Amino acid sequence: MLISALILIFMIVILPLETGRLLACFDRTPGRDTGMVFLAGFLFQIVLFFPVALGCMFFIRQDNFAVCTKIYLILSLIPAVAGTICRVKELKERKPEAPEKAAKPEVYSNTGEVKNGKFRDAEKMILWGAFLVIFAFQLYKAVTTAFIDGDNTFYVTQSLIAQQQGVMFTNLPYTGGPTSLDMRHALAVLPLWFAYLAKISGIHATVLCKTVMPLFLIPLTYLVFFEIAKILYPEEKNNIPFFLCIVAIFEMFGSVSIYTAERFFLTRTWQGKAMLGSVVIPVIILGLLLLAKSYGEKEGTGVKTAWYLIVSTGIFSGICTSLGAAYSAGLVATGCFILAICKKKPGIFVTGLLACIPQVLYMAAYVLLK
């Protein structure tokens, strides 16, 4: 079990992080942190799985999932190794710089009085402590609580069939019997990605989806909101944990119906529909905020990163669920249209439409195949 856990950590943490370092070599944006690097690498890794899975699904008949696993494993290692080499080379070339003591900005209370350093630090620690308590409670409940959900009969079973029988969407999840390729769900390959992780790590697909993946996907969601908070509050650092506390509370008490994103986030964390609401849409919003910031004071800084997040997340939306492609395209087009008006740059909207091409192709393929 320990070896399986280490393998899984390597696949979903180390590989995306090192892949992100490779991408960072092409866009040396100042102030880039490890969280953004990891997020970029994760998107690259999961988007890379999409063409590999589709190619094996449509062009290989026997043991296509086994072939998919081998091909994707090799392809996923290449950018990670390249990123490690790039990072080592960068560290060797970097010249040591003398540390500069930056003056702490004055923070004012509601009465207009300047807060002293001790009060500011105590307030920050309390807010971070409150968020970490809520965050830990959510992880605990996600692992120890089982939720009854009819969709598990399909999604988790498809992952299990791929892991144990080596086929992709050609067996009925309800009976286990063979059938023709399920064109309705064939393009949403997220269950196959979970099956790949289960196959490589040796963990049962059901255990992986229901127990293990929430320990990764819930922190991933809060990582995205953390990056959003850093853009919204570049100077007011104490507002970042406060923002995360508000988000965490909404996630806990937003289950007002069975259809809310908050309910999916905590009860169906591993499903594509849940990842669409908790990861995909927030990352698109992060990309749009970063794009708006790039055309602000330091125009052009971070533009590549912003467009990369938008385009890769658009592809990821189709991997999660078929309708995700339409939702993400609409959000990107609307956001870029608003930015084009606010920044008086029509090129933003034109580029935004071009960024939606993957979703348009996805939806066209879905209609033709179905």
Foldseek 3Di string as FASTA:
>chain_A
DVQLVVQLCCVLPLLLQLLLLLVCVVAVFPPDDSLLSSVLSNLVLVLVLQVLLVCLQPPPDPLSLVVSLVVSVVVSVVSSVVSVVSVVVVVVPDDDDDDDDDDADFDADPVGDTDDPVVLVVLLVVLLVLLVVLLVVLLVCQQPPADDDPCCLPLLLQLQCCLPVSHHQQADSNPRHGHPRDLLCSSQCLSSVLSSSCNRSVNRSVCCQRHPVLVPQSVSLLSLLLLVVCLVCVRSVSVSSVSSSVVSVCLVPVPPDCPDLSNCVRHVVSALVNCLSRPLVSLLVSLLSQQLVCCPDPHPRCPVSSLSSLLSSLSVLSNRDLCRNVVSLVVLLVSQVVSCVVSVPVVSNVVSNVSSVVSVVSNVSSVVSD
